[in-house]
Amino acid sequence: MENQPWHRFYGSWTPASLDYGDATLVSQLAETVATHPDRIALRYVDQVVTYASLDHEIDRLAAALAQLGVKPGAFVALALPNRPEHVIAFYAVLRLGATVVEHNPQFTAHELAPMVADHGARVAIAAGPAVTIFQDLDEIEHVINVDDDWNEFLSRGTELPERVTVTKTDVALILYTSGTTGTPKGAMLTHGNLAANALQMAAWRLPEEHPQALAVLPLFHSYGLTMSLTVGILSGATITLLPAPRMEFILSALSAHPPTWMPAVPTIYQRVISAAPQAHGIKQAISGAATLPAATVAEWEELTGGILVEGYGLTEAAPVIACNPLNEHRRAGCIGLPMPDTEVRISPESGELLVRGPQVFAGYLHNEEATRAAFEDGWLRTGDVATQDADGFLTLHARLKETIITGGFNVYPAEVENVLTAHPALSDAAVLGRAREDGSEDVVACIIIKNDGAHSAPTNDELRAWCHSMLARYKVPRSFVRVDDLGRDALGKLRRRSVAERFL
């Protein structure tokens, strides 16, 4: 890639271009295991797992999965919280040359069913309510319950399968994103995409001999997966996994195993600032998924003596596209500079940010039309309006897409609207995001009650219960606004900006 003006603002340790070679997630793990076999790879509650032990457990699970018929090109569904079994399952599937399909373990049957119907995985590894949901789906033939079946299932892995040659063009991961349509689309990320983004971020972060990473973010999300897991594995980090992103777990980890690296979202940093009893030594922290307030940066850096910067990414880019440098050139209020080997341009017509780079995904599973729409002349369309200044720093201004970001999770209005309008007492709904001071958004539903005399008007609690039966908790509207008209145009199109101006 040609030298760009912004390269001079990179950290002195970060090259403008990297050698990706034939790197895969499998080869990156193997290199770290060979280099640091006795180093602790994972901490979880009172468990510790060395890199050598992790490698052994991955082999055992891979052998057991192979006996179920998992082979190169197969899909395996995961629905797991952050725990060692998630990491073991992720890499065991990849080691077989198969593809991981990550799912949020909070999802309901209503949410999981269309995804499973799309990818058609025969094997699922899950915990909690997702176990029963998978068992009830016709496509899934084998469900491994990590709470009950794990050790017994691992004991089947007595004969290790031959090591499969995994290439950078193989699809490693599918992550579902609904976009503005409410219809799930499986973003296909290759080993090359994910390995490249791990290399980019490993080169971006401050060099450390032995990084201590705190995995606050869920591994089923692209942000948590790359920033906590794959970057951590590549860097030889000790990764502390939290059972849930709750303050008691975060504060306990800060005290017991002080991290030096913590990717998170603005609301988590703000909660730590408010709750931390004393300063802690997190040297570098990267925030994404929502706007990072300048006040949060100042308070965090005063508390820790470290650096907190904002970055930006998309599921379709594995996910990191841009980040502020972890040096004196960082700037509050912007998303930073393009990653090494990442090209950006601003559409002159719409102002949309367009991206090219080795981390850009291979397309959507079984959806050529959506794949074509995701690109403009070979450039990935981000759906976000941005500007780039003379120094190369990018600033976001608006979203062409209508995604609501709440607590670091994406909520797609059309999906929630589909659930609401299925209620027998509602005739129409518009779901919007209402900005909060912390940079996140609240989900708000503007609803029209049917005036047919056949149904009584539901209460807010009844509507929430209806939504809870089909949606993950974070997607359920926090408030409902009853309206008489949503102002749809002659074609029936909803003008969300107009609705927001009228009712929020």
Protein backbone atom coordinates (compact mmCIF):
# COMPACT_ATOMS: atom_id res chain seq x y z
CA MET A 1 0.00 0.00 0.00
CA GLU A 2 1.24 3.50 -0.81
CA ASN A 3 2.35 5.78 1.98
CA GLN A 4 -0.51 7.92 3.22
CA PRO A 5 -0.41 11.25 5.08
CA TRP A 6 -1.86 9.64 8.20
CA HIS A 7 0.89 7.06 8.54
CA ARG A 8 3.05 9.67 10.31
CA PHE A 9 0.57 9.65 13.20
CA TYR A 10 0.82 5.88 13.72
CA GLY A 11 2.62 4.65 16.81
CA SER A 12 6.35 4.31 16.14
CA TRP A 13 5.95 0.54 16.56
CA THR A 14 3.15 0.25 13.97
CA PRO A 15 4.17 -0.27 10.33
CA ALA A 16 2.14 1.23 7.49
CA SER A 17 1.93 -2.21 5.88
CA LEU A 18 2.10 -5.76 7.22
CA ASP A 19 3.11 -9.15 5.85
CA TYR A 20 0.02 -11.35 6.15
CA GLY A 21 1.48 -14.29 4.26
CA ASP A 22 -0.74 -17.35 4.53
CA ALA A 23 -1.75 -16.68 8.13
CA THR A 24 -4.90 -18.33 9.45
CA LEU A 25 -6.41 -18.36 12.92
CA VAL A 26 -5.23 -21.97 13.22
CA SER A 27 -1.63 -21.11 12.35
CA GLN A 28 -1.62 -18.09 14.67
CA LEU A 29 -2.71 -20.25 17.60
CA ALA A 30 -0.12 -22.91 16.73
CA GLU A 31 2.68 -20.34 16.74
CA THR A 32 1.71 -19.06 20.18
CA VAL A 33 1.38 -22.58 21.61
CA ALA A 34 4.87 -23.39 20.32
CA THR A 35 6.33 -20.17 21.74
CA HIS A 36 4.55 -20.04 25.13
CA PRO A 37 3.32 -23.57 25.98
CA ASP A 38 3.45 -23.05 29.76
CA ARG A 39 2.02 -19.54 29.80
CA ILE A 40 -1.53 -19.17 31.12
CA ALA A 41 -3.82 -18.66 28.14
CA LEU A 42 -7.19 -18.38 29.91
CA ARG A 43 -8.45 -17.48 33.35
CA TYR A 44 -12.07 -18.10 34.27
CA VAL A 45 -13.35 -17.84 37.84
CA ASP A 46 -10.96 -20.26 39.62
CA GLN A 47 -9.84 -22.05 36.44
CA VAL A 48 -6.53 -21.52 34.65
CA VAL A 49 -5.64 -23.06 31.29
CA THR A 50 -2.14 -22.94 29.82
CA TYR A 51 -1.55 -22.68 26.10
CA ALA A 52 -0.36 -26.31 26.02
CA SER A 53 -3.49 -27.46 27.88
CA LEU A 54 -5.69 -25.36 25.62
CA ASP A 55 -4.11 -26.98 22.58
CA HIS A 56 -4.68 -30.45 24.06
CA GLU A 57 -8.34 -29.75 24.85
CA ILE A 58 -8.87 -28.38 21.34
CA ASP A 59 -7.47 -31.60 19.91
CA ARG A 60 -9.75 -33.70 22.12
CA LEU A 61 -12.84 -31.79 21.09
CA ALA A 62 -11.82 -31.82 17.44
CA ALA A 63 -11.49 -35.61 17.62
CA ALA A 64 -14.93 -35.97 19.22
CA LEU A 65 -16.52 -33.63 16.67
CA ALA A 66 -14.89 -35.56 13.83
CA GLN A 67 -16.68 -38.69 15.05
CA LEU A 68 -19.97 -36.80 14.57
CA GLY A 69 -19.03 -36.19 10.96
CA VAL A 70 -17.71 -32.63 11.27
CA LYS A 71 -15.29 -32.21 8.40
CA PRO A 72 -13.89 -29.46 6.17
CA GLY A 73 -16.65 -27.19 4.95
CA ALA A 74 -19.16 -28.21 7.64
CA PHE A 75 -20.89 -25.62 9.81
CA VAL A 76 -21.01 -25.88 13.62
CA ALA A 77 -23.29 -23.56 15.59
CA LEU A 78 -22.09 -22.09 18.88
CA ALA A 79 -24.27 -20.32 21.46
CA LEU A 80 -22.05 -19.82 24.46
CA PRO A 81 -21.12 -17.15 27.00
CA ASN A 82 -17.49 -16.27 27.68
CA ARG A 83 -15.96 -19.38 29.21
CA PRO A 84 -13.05 -21.71 28.31
CA GLU A 85 -15.36 -24.13 26.49
CA HIS A 86 -16.23 -21.34 24.05
CA VAL A 87 -12.58 -20.83 23.12
CA ILE A 88 -11.95 -24.58 22.90
CA ALA A 89 -15.01 -25.09 20.69
CA PHE A 90 -14.14 -22.17 18.44
CA TYR A 91 -10.65 -23.42 17.64
CA ALA A 92 -11.60 -27.12 17.52
CA VAL A 93 -14.08 -26.42 14.74
CA LEU A 94 -11.49 -24.39 12.85
CA ARG A 95 -8.84 -27.07 13.30
CA LEU A 96 -11.12 -29.49 11.45
CA GLY A 97 -11.37 -27.09 8.52
CA ALA A 98 -15.00 -26.42 9.42
CA THR A 99 -16.80 -23.11 9.92
CA VAL A 100 -17.98 -21.64 13.22
CA VAL A 101 -21.41 -19.99 13.25
CA GLU A 102 -21.63 -17.79 16.34
CA HIS A 103 -24.97 -17.09 18.01
CA ASN A 104 -25.94 -14.95 20.97
CA PRO A 105 -26.92 -17.40 23.75
CA GLN A 106 -29.62 -14.93 24.85
CA PHE A 107 -31.50 -15.35 21.57
CA THR A 108 -34.98 -16.85 21.59
CA ALA A 109 -36.26 -19.60 19.29
CA HIS A 110 -37.91 -16.89 17.20
CA GLU A 111 -34.47 -15.34 16.57
CA LEU A 112 -32.38 -18.50 16.21
CA ALA A 113 -34.67 -20.52 13.96
CA PRO A 114 -34.26 -18.47 10.74
CA MET A 115 -30.49 -18.36 11.19
CA VAL A 116 -30.22 -22.12 11.62
CA ALA A 117 -32.54 -22.62 8.65
CA ASP A 118 -30.15 -20.49 6.61
CA HIS A 119 -26.83 -22.08 7.56
CA GLY A 120 -28.12 -25.61 8.19
CA ALA A 121 -25.55 -26.68 10.79
CA ARG A 122 -26.04 -30.26 11.96
CA VAL A 123 -24.03 -29.86 15.17
CA ALA A 124 -24.44 -27.24 17.90
CA ILE A 125 -22.48 -26.52 21.07
CA ALA A 126 -24.47 -24.52 23.58
CA ALA A 127 -25.28 -23.63 27.16
CA GLY A 128 -28.41 -22.46 28.95
CA PRO A 129 -31.74 -22.00 27.13
CA ALA A 130 -30.07 -22.28 23.71
CA VAL A 131 -29.59 -26.02 24.33
CA THR A 132 -33.34 -26.68 24.31
CA ILE A 133 -33.90 -24.34 21.39
CA PHE A 134 -31.32 -26.16 19.27
CA GLN A 135 -32.73 -29.54 20.29
CA ASP A 136 -36.14 -28.49 19.00
CA LEU A 137 -34.86 -27.42 15.58
CA ASP A 138 -35.07 -30.02 12.82
CA GLU A 139 -31.76 -29.01 11.22
CA ILE A 140 -29.70 -29.72 14.34
CA GLU A 141 -28.92 -33.42 14.81
CA HIS A 142 -26.42 -33.22 17.68
CA VAL A 143 -26.39 -30.73 20.56
CA ILE A 144 -23.46 -30.71 22.99
CA ASN A 145 -24.52 -29.16 26.29
CA VAL A 146 -21.37 -27.78 27.89
CA ASP A 147 -23.02 -27.78 31.32
CA ASP A 148 -23.94 -31.49 31.29
CA ASP A 149 -22.31 -33.34 28.40
CA TRP A 150 -18.90 -31.69 28.08
CA ASN A 151 -16.53 -34.11 29.84
CA GLU A 152 -18.36 -37.18 28.59
CA PHE A 153 -18.28 -35.84 25.05
CA LEU A 154 -14.57 -34.97 25.26
CA SER A 155 -13.82 -38.52 26.40
CA ARG A 156 -14.93 -39.73 22.97
CA GLY A 157 -12.01 -37.90 21.38
CA THR A 158 -9.52 -40.72 21.77
CA GLU A 159 -8.23 -40.82 18.21
CA LEU A 160 -6.99 -37.51 16.90
CA PRO A 161 -7.98 -36.77 13.32
CA GLU A 162 -5.33 -35.92 10.78
CA ARG A 163 -4.48 -32.24 10.79
CA VAL A 164 -6.41 -30.56 8.00
CA THR A 165 -4.69 -27.97 5.83
CA VAL A 166 -6.59 -24.76 6.46
CA THR A 167 -6.06 -21.90 4.00
CA LYS A 168 -6.66 -18.18 4.31
CA THR A 169 -9.48 -18.32 1.75
CA ASP A 170 -11.47 -20.84 3.83
CA VAL A 171 -14.51 -19.40 5.60
CA ALA A 172 -13.74 -19.49 9.32
CA LEU A 173 -16.71 -17.71 10.78
CA ILE A 174 -20.28 -16.69 10.04
CA LEU A 175 -21.84 -13.88 12.05
CA TYR A 176 -25.44 -12.89 11.49
CA THR A 177 -26.42 -9.29 11.01
CA SER A 178 -29.95 -8.25 10.10
CA GLY A 179 -29.22 -4.80 8.70
CA THR A 180 -32.20 -2.57 8.03
CA THR A 181 -34.42 -5.33 6.63
CA GLY A 182 -34.81 -7.36 9.81
CA THR A 183 -33.89 -10.47 7.82
CA PRO A 184 -30.75 -12.20 9.16
CA LYS A 185 -27.76 -12.24 6.82
CA GLY A 186 -24.75 -14.45 7.51
CA ALA A 187 -21.55 -12.47 7.02
CA MET A 188 -18.80 -14.87 5.89
CA LEU A 189 -15.37 -14.05 7.30
CA THR A 190 -12.41 -16.01 6.00
CA HIS A 191 -9.34 -17.07 7.93
CA GLY A 192 -7.48 -14.42 5.95
CA ASN A 193 -9.94 -11.70 7.01
CA LEU A 194 -9.78 -12.57 10.69
CA ALA A 195 -6.05 -13.28 10.80
CA ALA A 196 -5.34 -9.99 9.01
CA ASN A 197 -7.43 -7.97 11.45
CA ALA A 198 -5.74 -9.71 14.39
CA LEU A 199 -2.34 -8.82 12.91
CA GLN A 200 -3.45 -5.23 12.31
CA MET A 201 -4.64 -4.75 15.88
CA ALA A 202 -1.68 -6.60 17.40
CA ALA A 203 0.58 -4.17 15.54
CA TRP A 204 -1.57 -1.22 16.64
CA ARG A 205 -1.55 -1.87 20.37
CA LEU A 206 1.35 -0.88 22.60
CA PRO A 207 4.02 -3.61 22.60
CA GLU A 208 4.07 -5.78 25.73
CA GLU A 209 6.12 -8.83 26.64
CA HIS A 210 3.17 -10.54 28.33
CA PRO A 211 -0.20 -8.84 27.75
CA GLN A 212 -2.95 -9.35 30.31
CA ALA A 213 -6.30 -9.03 28.52
CA LEU A 214 -9.72 -8.67 30.11
CA ALA A 215 -12.48 -10.14 27.92
CA VAL A 216 -15.46 -8.06 29.00
CA LEU A 217 -17.14 -8.19 25.60
CA PRO A 218 -18.95 -11.33 24.39
CA LEU A 219 -16.97 -13.61 22.09
CA PHE A 220 -20.05 -14.22 19.95
CA HIS A 221 -19.75 -10.58 18.82
CA SER A 222 -17.12 -9.63 16.23
CA TYR A 223 -15.70 -6.87 18.44
CA GLY A 224 -15.14 -9.13 21.43
CA LEU A 225 -13.98 -12.06 19.32
CA THR A 226 -11.23 -10.13 17.55
CA MET A 227 -10.20 -7.59 20.16
CA SER A 228 -10.20 -9.96 23.14
CA LEU A 229 -9.61 -13.43 21.70
CA THR A 230 -7.81 -13.53 18.36
CA VAL A 231 -5.61 -10.50 19.08
CA GLY A 232 -4.96 -11.94 22.53
CA ILE A 233 -4.02 -15.38 21.19
CA LEU A 234 -1.75 -13.88 18.52
CA SER A 235 -0.04 -11.70 21.14
CA GLY A 236 0.48 -14.55 23.62
CA ALA A 237 -1.80 -12.85 26.13
CA THR A 238 -3.31 -14.26 29.27
CA ILE A 239 -7.03 -13.67 28.73
CA THR A 240 -9.38 -13.35 31.69
CA LEU A 241 -12.89 -14.41 30.69
CA LEU A 242 -15.82 -12.98 32.62
CA PRO A 243 -19.03 -15.00 33.14
CA ALA A 244 -20.98 -11.83 32.29
CA PRO A 245 -20.09 -8.14 31.80
CA ARG A 246 -21.34 -7.27 35.29
CA MET A 247 -19.57 -4.83 37.57
CA GLU A 248 -18.90 -7.35 40.34
CA PHE A 249 -17.00 -9.56 37.88
CA ILE A 250 -15.14 -6.64 36.30
CA LEU A 251 -14.05 -5.16 39.65
CA SER A 252 -13.01 -8.58 40.93
CA ALA A 253 -10.86 -9.16 37.83
CA LEU A 254 -9.30 -5.70 38.11
CA SER A 255 -8.25 -6.55 41.65
CA ALA A 256 -7.25 -10.21 41.31
CA HIS A 257 -5.62 -10.19 37.87
CA PRO A 258 -4.98 -6.58 36.81
CA PRO A 259 -5.26 -6.37 33.02
CA THR A 260 -3.09 -4.24 30.79
CA TRP A 261 -5.48 -4.42 27.81
CA MET A 262 -9.24 -3.96 27.92
CA PRO A 263 -11.49 -3.47 24.88
CA ALA A 264 -15.01 -2.40 25.81
CA VAL A 265 -17.86 0.01 25.07
CA PRO A 266 -18.35 3.50 26.54
CA THR A 267 -20.96 2.46 29.09
CA ILE A 268 -18.59 -0.11 30.61
CA TYR A 269 -15.79 2.43 30.96
CA GLN A 270 -18.21 4.86 32.59
CA ARG A 271 -19.38 2.23 35.07
CA VAL A 272 -15.82 1.31 35.99
CA ILE A 273 -14.98 4.98 36.54
CA SER A 274 -17.96 5.31 38.88
CA ALA A 275 -17.42 2.04 40.73
CA ALA A 276 -13.65 1.53 40.90
CA PRO A 277 -12.52 2.03 44.51
CA GLN A 278 -8.99 2.97 43.44
CA ALA A 279 -6.85 3.55 40.39
CA HIS A 280 -5.90 0.50 38.34
CA GLY A 281 -3.19 -0.02 35.77
CA ILE A 282 -4.93 -0.68 32.47
CA LYS A 283 -2.33 0.71 30.09
CA GLN A 284 -4.42 0.64 26.95
CA ALA A 285 -8.14 0.56 26.35
CA ILE A 286 -10.07 0.75 23.10
CA SER A 287 -13.71 1.72 22.87
CA GLY A 288 -16.13 0.97 20.07
CA ALA A 289 -19.79 0.38 19.16
CA ALA A 290 -20.90 3.86 20.29
CA THR A 291 -19.60 7.42 20.51
CA LEU A 292 -16.99 7.82 23.25
CA PRO A 293 -17.56 11.05 25.23
CA ALA A 294 -14.47 13.22 25.74
CA ALA A 295 -15.29 13.46 29.46
CA THR A 296 -15.10 9.68 29.77
CA VAL A 297 -11.66 9.69 28.15
CA ALA A 298 -10.38 12.35 30.54
CA GLU A 299 -11.76 10.63 33.64
CA TRP A 300 -10.50 7.21 32.56
CA GLU A 301 -6.98 8.39 31.80
CA GLU A 302 -6.82 10.24 35.13
CA LEU A 303 -7.97 7.12 36.97
CA THR A 304 -5.67 4.64 35.23
CA GLY A 305 -2.72 6.63 33.99
CA GLY A 306 -3.24 4.72 30.74
CA ILE A 307 -4.72 5.54 27.36
CA LEU A 308 -8.35 5.24 26.19
CA VAL A 309 -9.11 5.72 22.50
CA GLU A 310 -12.08 5.32 20.19
CA GLY A 311 -12.12 2.99 17.20
CA TYR A 312 -14.61 1.91 14.58
CA GLY A 313 -15.58 -1.27 12.83
CA LEU A 314 -18.22 -3.42 11.20
CA THR A 315 -19.00 -7.11 11.42
CA GLU A 316 -18.28 -7.24 7.68
CA ALA A 317 -14.73 -5.99 8.30
CA ALA A 318 -13.73 -8.51 10.96
CA PRO A 319 -14.43 -5.83 12.48
CA VAL A 320 -11.79 -3.08 12.91
CA ILE A 321 -11.51 -0.46 10.17
CA ALA A 322 -10.10 2.54 12.03
CA CYS A 323 -8.76 3.47 15.44
CA ASN A 324 -7.10 6.36 17.18
CA PRO A 325 -3.38 5.83 17.69
CA LEU A 326 -2.29 4.88 21.19
CA ASN A 327 0.08 7.83 21.41
CA GLU A 328 0.08 11.60 21.76
CA HIS A 329 -1.69 12.00 18.40
CA ARG A 330 -4.97 10.47 19.60
CA ARG A 331 -7.99 12.75 19.23
CA ALA A 332 -11.24 12.70 21.16
CA GLY A 333 -14.43 12.97 19.15
CA CYS A 334 -13.29 11.00 16.11
CA ILE A 335 -12.85 7.34 15.19
CA GLY A 336 -9.18 7.70 14.33
CA LEU A 337 -7.05 6.55 11.42
CA PRO A 338 -7.48 3.69 8.95
CA MET A 339 -5.77 0.45 9.94
CA PRO A 340 -2.56 -0.58 8.13
CA ASP A 341 -3.29 -1.66 4.54
CA THR A 342 -6.82 -0.28 4.81
CA GLU A 343 -8.04 2.12 2.16
CA VAL A 344 -10.94 4.49 2.76
CA ARG A 345 -12.79 6.99 0.65
CA ILE A 346 -15.85 9.16 1.07
CA SER A 347 -18.62 8.84 -1.51
CA PRO A 348 -19.02 12.26 -3.17
CA GLU A 349 -22.75 11.64 -3.66
CA SER A 350 -23.83 10.47 -0.21
CA GLY A 351 -20.87 11.11 2.07
CA GLU A 352 -20.83 7.39 2.90
CA LEU A 353 -17.59 5.89 4.17
CA LEU A 354 -16.29 3.18 1.81
CA VAL A 355 -13.56 0.71 2.72
CA ARG A 356 -11.12 -1.76 1.13
CA GLY A 357 -8.65 -3.99 2.92
CA PRO A 358 -7.62 -7.55 3.76
CA GLN A 359 -10.15 -7.68 6.60
CA VAL A 360 -13.20 -7.07 4.37
CA PHE A 361 -15.54 -10.05 4.32
CA ALA A 362 -16.26 -12.54 1.52
CA GLY A 363 -19.99 -11.82 1.28
CA TYR A 364 -23.26 -13.04 2.77
CA LEU A 365 -24.12 -16.73 2.93
CA HIS A 366 -26.75 -17.73 0.34
CA ASN A 367 -27.44 -14.08 -0.47
CA GLU A 368 -25.80 -12.81 -3.65
CA GLU A 369 -28.17 -9.85 -3.90
CA ALA A 370 -27.23 -8.56 -0.45
CA THR A 371 -23.56 -9.18 -1.20
CA ARG A 372 -23.74 -7.09 -4.37
CA ALA A 373 -25.53 -4.32 -2.47
CA ALA A 374 -22.81 -4.31 0.19
CA PHE A 375 -20.16 -3.18 -2.30
CA GLU A 376 -19.72 -0.21 -4.60
CA ASP A 377 -17.11 -0.84 -7.30
CA GLY A 378 -15.22 -3.20 -5.00
CA TRP A 379 -15.47 -0.97 -1.93
CA LEU A 380 -17.39 -2.09 1.16
CA ARG A 381 -20.27 0.25 1.94
CA THR A 382 -20.28 0.97 5.67
CA GLY A 383 -23.67 2.69 5.72
CA ASP A 384 -22.15 5.50 7.79
CA VAL A 385 -21.69 9.13 6.76
CA ALA A 386 -18.19 10.35 7.58
CA THR A 387 -15.52 12.91 6.77
CA GLN A 388 -11.75 12.58 6.67
CA ASP A 389 -9.57 15.58 7.47
CA ALA A 390 -6.24 16.48 5.89
CA ASP A 391 -4.37 14.43 8.50
CA GLY A 392 -6.43 11.33 7.73
CA PHE A 393 -8.54 11.29 10.89
CA LEU A 394 -12.10 10.07 10.33
CA THR A 395 -15.21 11.48 11.99
CA LEU A 396 -18.66 9.89 11.86
CA HIS A 397 -21.67 12.16 11.42
CA ALA A 398 -24.70 9.95 10.83
CA ARG A 399 -25.77 6.44 9.89
CA LEU A 400 -27.32 5.75 6.56
CA LYS A 401 -28.32 2.46 8.09
CA GLU A 402 -30.89 2.58 10.84
CA THR A 403 -29.19 0.31 13.34
CA ILE A 404 -29.69 1.23 16.98
CA ILE A 405 -26.71 0.63 19.26
CA THR A 406 -27.59 -0.04 22.88
CA GLY A 407 -25.04 -1.22 25.42
CA GLY A 408 -22.70 -2.19 22.60
CA PHE A 409 -25.26 -4.43 20.89
CA ASN A 410 -26.93 -3.80 17.55
CA VAL A 411 -30.72 -3.59 17.43
CA TYR A 412 -32.33 -3.63 14.01
CA PRO A 413 -35.61 -1.67 13.97
CA ALA A 414 -37.30 -3.83 11.34
CA GLU A 415 -36.80 -6.96 13.44
CA VAL A 416 -38.43 -5.40 16.51
CA GLU A 417 -41.19 -3.86 14.38
CA ASN A 418 -41.99 -7.28 12.92
CA VAL A 419 -42.51 -8.63 16.44
CA LEU A 420 -44.62 -5.67 17.54
CA THR A 421 -46.90 -5.65 14.51
CA ALA A 422 -47.57 -9.36 15.06
CA HIS A 423 -49.35 -8.38 18.29
CA PRO A 424 -53.11 -8.68 17.70
CA ALA A 425 -53.83 -5.25 19.18
CA LEU A 426 -51.25 -3.26 17.16
CA SER A 427 -51.68 -2.06 13.60
CA ASP A 428 -48.30 -0.40 13.06
CA ALA A 429 -45.01 0.35 14.78
CA ALA A 430 -41.83 2.34 14.29
CA VAL A 431 -38.77 1.51 16.37
CA LEU A 432 -36.21 4.24 16.95
CA GLY A 433 -33.09 4.94 18.96
CA ARG A 434 -33.13 7.77 21.48
CA ALA A 435 -29.66 9.07 22.33
CA ARG A 436 -28.45 8.90 25.90
CA GLU A 437 -25.79 11.03 27.54
CA ASP A 438 -23.41 8.06 27.70
CA GLY A 439 -23.34 7.73 23.89
CA SER A 440 -25.56 4.65 23.79
CA GLU A 441 -29.22 4.63 22.75
CA ASP A 442 -32.52 3.54 24.24
CA VAL A 443 -34.88 1.49 22.08
CA VAL A 444 -38.20 3.33 21.76
CA ALA A 445 -41.29 2.05 19.95
CA CYS A 446 -43.95 4.34 18.50
CA ILE A 447 -47.08 2.21 18.19
CA ILE A 448 -50.59 2.48 16.78
CA ILE A 449 -53.34 0.61 18.63
CA LYS A 450 -56.04 -0.98 16.48
CA ASN A 451 -59.36 0.81 16.71
CA ASP A 452 -61.56 -2.15 15.83
CA GLY A 453 -63.21 -2.76 19.17
CA ALA A 454 -62.01 -6.36 19.12
CA HIS A 455 -58.92 -5.83 21.26
CA SER A 456 -58.24 -3.89 24.42
CA ALA A 457 -55.19 -1.64 24.43
CA PRO A 458 -52.20 -3.54 25.86
CA THR A 459 -50.22 -2.07 28.74
CA ASN A 460 -46.52 -1.35 28.43
CA ASP A 461 -45.75 -4.37 30.61
CA GLU A 462 -47.86 -6.59 28.35
CA LEU A 463 -46.04 -5.31 25.29
CA ARG A 464 -42.67 -5.92 26.93
CA ALA A 465 -43.70 -9.46 27.83
CA TRP A 466 -44.77 -10.02 24.21
CA CYS A 467 -41.38 -8.82 22.98
CA HIS A 468 -39.46 -10.79 25.62
CA SER A 469 -41.02 -14.00 24.30
CA MET A 470 -39.37 -13.49 20.91
CA LEU A 471 -36.44 -11.11 21.39
CA ALA A 472 -33.28 -10.88 23.45
CA ARG A 473 -33.65 -8.53 26.41
CA TYR A 474 -31.55 -5.72 24.95
CA LYS A 475 -33.85 -5.50 21.89
CA VAL A 476 -37.02 -4.99 23.92
CA PRO A 477 -38.19 -1.35 23.79
CA ARG A 478 -37.52 0.59 26.95
CA SER A 479 -40.53 2.82 26.33
CA PHE A 480 -43.61 2.97 24.12
CA VAL A 481 -45.18 6.04 22.56
CA ARG A 482 -48.81 5.69 21.50
CA VAL A 483 -49.56 7.63 18.32
CA ASP A 484 -52.44 7.93 15.85
CA ASP A 485 -50.35 8.10 12.69
CA LEU A 486 -46.75 7.38 11.70
CA GLY A 487 -46.85 9.54 8.59
CA ARG A 488 -45.99 6.86 6.06
CA ASP A 489 -45.65 8.19 2.52
CA ALA A 490 -47.71 7.22 -0.53
CA LEU A 491 -45.60 4.11 -1.02
CA GLY A 492 -46.00 3.12 2.60
CA LYS A 493 -42.40 3.97 3.42
CA LEU A 494 -41.63 4.92 6.99
CA ARG A 495 -39.71 8.18 7.37
CA ARG A 496 -37.91 7.48 10.63
CA ARG A 497 -36.32 10.89 10.94
CA SER A 498 -39.75 12.51 10.68
CA VAL A 499 -41.19 10.11 13.24
CA ALA A 500 -38.33 10.87 15.62
CA GLU A 501 -38.77 14.62 15.21
CA ARG A 502 -42.50 14.35 15.94
CA PHE A 503 -42.54 11.94 18.85
CA LEU A 504 -39.13 11.72 20.57
